[in-house]
C-alpha atoms as a PDB file:
ATOM      1  CA  UNK A   1     -37.381 -28.071 169.200  1.00  0.00           C
ATOM      2  CA  UNK A   2     -40.348 -27.318 166.955  1.00  0.00           C
ATOM      3  CA  UNK A   3     -40.977 -23.658 166.351  1.00  0.00           C
ATOM      4  CA  UNK A   4     -44.468 -22.343 166.842  1.00  0.00           C
ATOM      5  CA  UNK A   5     -46.329 -20.636 164.050  1.00  0.00           C
ATOM      6  CA  UNK A   6     -46.316 -17.326 165.953  1.00  0.00           C
ATOM      7  CA  UNK A   7     -42.529 -17.472 166.328  1.00  0.00           C
ATOM      8  CA  UNK A   8     -42.002 -18.186 162.623  1.00  0.00           C
ATOM      9  CA  UNK A   9     -44.379 -15.358 161.679  1.00  0.00           C
ATOM     10  CA  UNK A  10     -42.515 -13.003 164.023  1.00  0.00           C
ATOM     11  CA  UNK A  11     -39.178 -13.917 162.430  1.00  0.00           C
ATOM     12  CA  UNK A  12     -40.658 -13.574 158.936  1.00  0.00           C
ATOM     13  CA  UNK A  13     -41.983 -10.108 159.723  1.00  0.00           C
ATOM     14  CA  UNK A  14     -38.662  -8.983 161.180  1.00  0.00           C
ATOM     15  CA  UNK A  15     -36.661 -10.342 158.236  1.00  0.00           C
ATOM     16  CA  UNK A  16     -38.887  -8.450 155.829  1.00  0.00           C
ATOM     17  CA  UNK A  17     -38.581  -5.108 157.633  1.00  0.00           C
ATOM     18  CA  UNK A  18     -35.053  -5.197 159.100  1.00  0.00           C
ATOM     19  CA  UNK A  19     -32.206  -5.417 156.576  1.00  0.00           C
ATOM     20  CA  UNK A  20     -29.490  -5.697 159.265  1.00  0.00           C
ATOM     21  CA  UNK A  21     -31.317  -8.600 160.948  1.00  0.00           C
ATOM     22  CA  UNK A  22     -31.840 -10.325 157.579  1.00  0.00           C
ATOM     23  CA  UNK A  23     -28.172  -9.991 156.648  1.00  0.00           C
ATOM     24  CA  UNK A  24     -27.040 -11.221 160.072  1.00  0.00           C
ATOM     25  CA  UNK A  25     -29.317 -14.242 159.685  1.00  0.00           C
ATOM     26  CA  UNK A  26     -27.679 -15.044 156.340  1.00  0.00           C
ATOM     27  CA  UNK A  27     -24.171 -14.482 157.736  1.00  0.00           C
ATOM     28  CA  UNK A  28     -24.747 -16.615 160.826  1.00  0.00           C
ATOM     29  CA  UNK A  29     -26.285 -19.437 158.784  1.00  0.00           C
ATOM     30  CA  UNK A  30     -23.227 -19.535 156.536  1.00  0.00           C
ATOM     31  CA  UNK A  31     -20.787 -19.368 159.460  1.00  0.00           C
ATOM     32  CA  UNK A  32     -22.538 -22.252 161.211  1.00  0.00           C
ATOM     33  CA  UNK A  33     -22.620 -24.254 157.998  1.00  0.00           C
ATOM     34  CA  UNK A  34     -18.865 -23.844 157.588  1.00  0.00           C
ATOM     35  CA  UNK A  35     -17.983 -24.363 161.260  1.00  0.00           C
ATOM     36  CA  UNK A  36     -16.802 -27.940 160.842  1.00  0.00           C
ATOM     37  CA  UNK A  37     -19.131 -29.150 163.605  1.00  0.00           C
ATOM     38  CA  UNK A  38     -21.895 -31.400 162.197  1.00  0.00           C
ATOM     39  CA  UNK A  39     -24.471 -30.200 164.751  1.00  0.00           C
ATOM     40  CA  UNK A  40     -23.700 -26.543 164.032  1.00  0.00           C
ATOM     41  CA  UNK A  41     -23.776 -27.215 160.282  1.00  0.00           C
ATOM     42  CA  UNK A  42     -27.284 -28.673 160.664  1.00  0.00           C
ATOM     43  CA  UNK A  43     -28.404 -25.513 162.486  1.00  0.00           C
ATOM     44  CA  UNK A  44     -26.784 -23.422 159.747  1.00  0.00           C
ATOM     45  CA  UNK A  45     -28.688 -25.280 157.015  1.00  0.00           C
ATOM     46  CA  UNK A  46     -31.944 -24.745 158.895  1.00  0.00           C
ATOM     47  CA  UNK A  47     -31.166 -21.057 159.365  1.00  0.00           C
ATOM     48  CA  UNK A  48     -30.494 -20.688 155.644  1.00  0.00           C
ATOM     49  CA  UNK A  49     -33.773 -22.510 154.981  1.00  0.00           C
ATOM     50  CA  UNK A  50     -35.605 -20.014 157.214  1.00  0.00           C
ATOM     51  CA  UNK A  51     -33.823 -17.173 155.415  1.00  0.00           C
ATOM     52  CA  UNK A  52     -34.955 -18.476 152.009  1.00  0.00           C
ATOM     53  CA  UNK A  53     -38.529 -18.921 153.259  1.00  0.00           C
ATOM     54  CA  UNK A  54     -38.541 -15.352 154.592  1.00  0.00           C
ATOM     55  CA  UNK A  55     -37.024 -13.740 151.500  1.00  0.00           C
ATOM     56  CA  UNK A  56     -37.179 -14.993 147.930  1.00  0.00           C
ATOM     57  CA  UNK A  57     -38.835 -18.361 148.687  1.00  0.00           C
ATOM     58  CA  UNK A  58     -38.013 -21.833 147.421  1.00  0.00           C
ATOM     59  CA  UNK A  59     -40.182 -21.549 144.301  1.00  0.00           C
ATOM     60  CA  UNK A  60     -38.161 -18.560 143.087  1.00  0.00           C
ATOM     61  CA  UNK A  61     -34.830 -20.054 144.179  1.00  0.00           C
ATOM     62  CA  UNK A  62     -35.711 -23.245 142.303  1.00  0.00           C
ATOM     63  CA  UNK A  63     -36.609 -21.254 139.209  1.00  0.00           C
ATOM     64  CA  UNK A  64     -33.329 -19.311 139.345  1.00  0.00           C
ATOM     65  CA  UNK A  65     -31.262 -22.475 139.772  1.00  0.00           C
ATOM     66  CA  UNK A  66     -33.293 -24.780 137.529  1.00  0.00           C
ATOM     67  CA  UNK A  67     -33.820 -27.091 140.502  1.00  0.00           C
ATOM     68  CA  UNK A  68     -36.864 -28.652 142.121  1.00  0.00           C
ATOM     69  CA  UNK A  69     -37.906 -26.450 145.092  1.00  0.00           C
ATOM     70  CA  UNK A  70     -38.572 -29.544 147.225  1.00  0.00           C
ATOM     71  CA  UNK A  71     -35.018 -30.763 146.595  1.00  0.00           C
ATOM     72  CA  UNK A  72     -33.696 -27.382 147.706  1.00  0.00           C
ATOM     73  CA  UNK A  73     -35.845 -27.495 150.847  1.00  0.00           C
ATOM     74  CA  UNK A  74     -34.478 -30.926 151.706  1.00  0.00           C
ATOM     75  CA  UNK A  75     -30.916 -29.829 150.966  1.00  0.00           C
ATOM     76  CA  UNK A  76     -31.253 -27.007 153.517  1.00  0.00           C
ATOM     77  CA  UNK A  77     -32.913 -29.149 156.180  1.00  0.00           C
ATOM     78  CA  UNK A  78     -31.050 -30.378 159.278  1.00  0.00           C
ATOM     79  CA  UNK A  79     -30.306 -33.824 157.785  1.00  0.00           C
ATOM     80  CA  UNK A  80     -29.643 -32.325 154.338  1.00  0.00           C
ATOM     81  CA  UNK A  81     -26.384 -33.082 152.581  1.00  0.00           C
ATOM     82  CA  UNK A  82     -25.886 -30.596 149.746  1.00  0.00           C
ATOM     83  CA  UNK A  83     -23.118 -31.135 147.233  1.00  0.00           C
ATOM     84  CA  UNK A  84     -20.537 -28.378 147.110  1.00  0.00           C
ATOM     85  CA  UNK A  85     -21.764 -27.432 143.624  1.00  0.00           C
ATOM     86  CA  UNK A  86     -25.387 -27.098 144.758  1.00  0.00           C
ATOM     87  CA  UNK A  87     -24.418 -25.234 147.915  1.00  0.00           C
ATOM     88  CA  UNK A  88     -22.226 -22.816 145.955  1.00  0.00           C
ATOM     89  CA  UNK A  89     -25.090 -22.156 143.522  1.00  0.00           C
ATOM     90  CA  UNK A  90     -27.533 -21.498 146.395  1.00  0.00           C
ATOM     91  CA  UNK A  91     -25.095 -19.156 148.149  1.00  0.00           C
ATOM     92  CA  UNK A  92     -24.452 -17.304 144.883  1.00  0.00           C
ATOM     93  CA  UNK A  93     -28.186 -16.663 144.456  1.00  0.00           C
ATOM     94  CA  UNK A  94     -28.615 -15.609 148.096  1.00  0.00           C
ATOM     95  CA  UNK A  95     -25.739 -13.142 147.753  1.00  0.00           C
ATOM     96  CA  UNK A  96     -27.256 -11.690 144.602  1.00  0.00           C
ATOM     97  CA  UNK A  97     -30.694 -11.459 146.181  1.00  0.00           C
ATOM     98  CA  UNK A  98     -29.385  -9.756 149.322  1.00  0.00           C
ATOM     99  CA  UNK A  99     -26.926  -7.534 147.447  1.00  0.00           C
ATOM    100  CA  UNK A 100     -23.937  -8.707 149.470  1.00  0.00           C
ATOM    101  CA  UNK A 101     -20.683 -10.490 148.790  1.00  0.00           C
ATOM    102  CA  UNK A 102     -19.625 -13.394 150.978  1.00  0.00           C
ATOM    103  CA  UNK A 103     -15.962 -13.319 151.978  1.00  0.00           C
ATOM    104  CA  UNK A 104     -13.650 -15.334 154.160  1.00  0.00           C
ATOM    105  CA  UNK A 105     -11.398 -13.974 156.866  1.00  0.00           C
ATOM    106  CA  UNK A 106      -8.458 -16.097 157.954  1.00  0.00           C
ATOM    107  CA  UNK A 107      -7.797 -16.080 161.698  1.00  0.00           C
ATOM    108  CA  UNK A 108      -5.385 -17.855 163.943  1.00  0.00           C
ATOM    109  CA  UNK A 109      -7.000 -20.711 165.854  1.00  0.00           C
ATOM    110  CA  UNK A 110      -7.892 -20.006 169.453  1.00  0.00           C
ATOM    111  CA  UNK A 111      -5.436 -21.647 171.797  1.00  0.00           C
END
């Protein structure tokens, strides 16, 4: 589904004023990306792309990583296929920008 301009502007405004919402957006994007389900991973990449657009932007992320911003945009698109090295570098910068540390919690699988 294509998002309307008004919806994207609403999300952008909320991300910029609401730290809890912004952090939850980052967290959910990462969780979806790591879910193991290809469809959920695609949604996670898009959510991370929206997060980058609403926070530091792809120009700045590209500068920090020494990467072409357009390559980063494509990497975080639904059909994107980032290498583990590139993804780790992006997540490291997003953590630093947001002032959070990403961790993993091991849980028993649901039966």
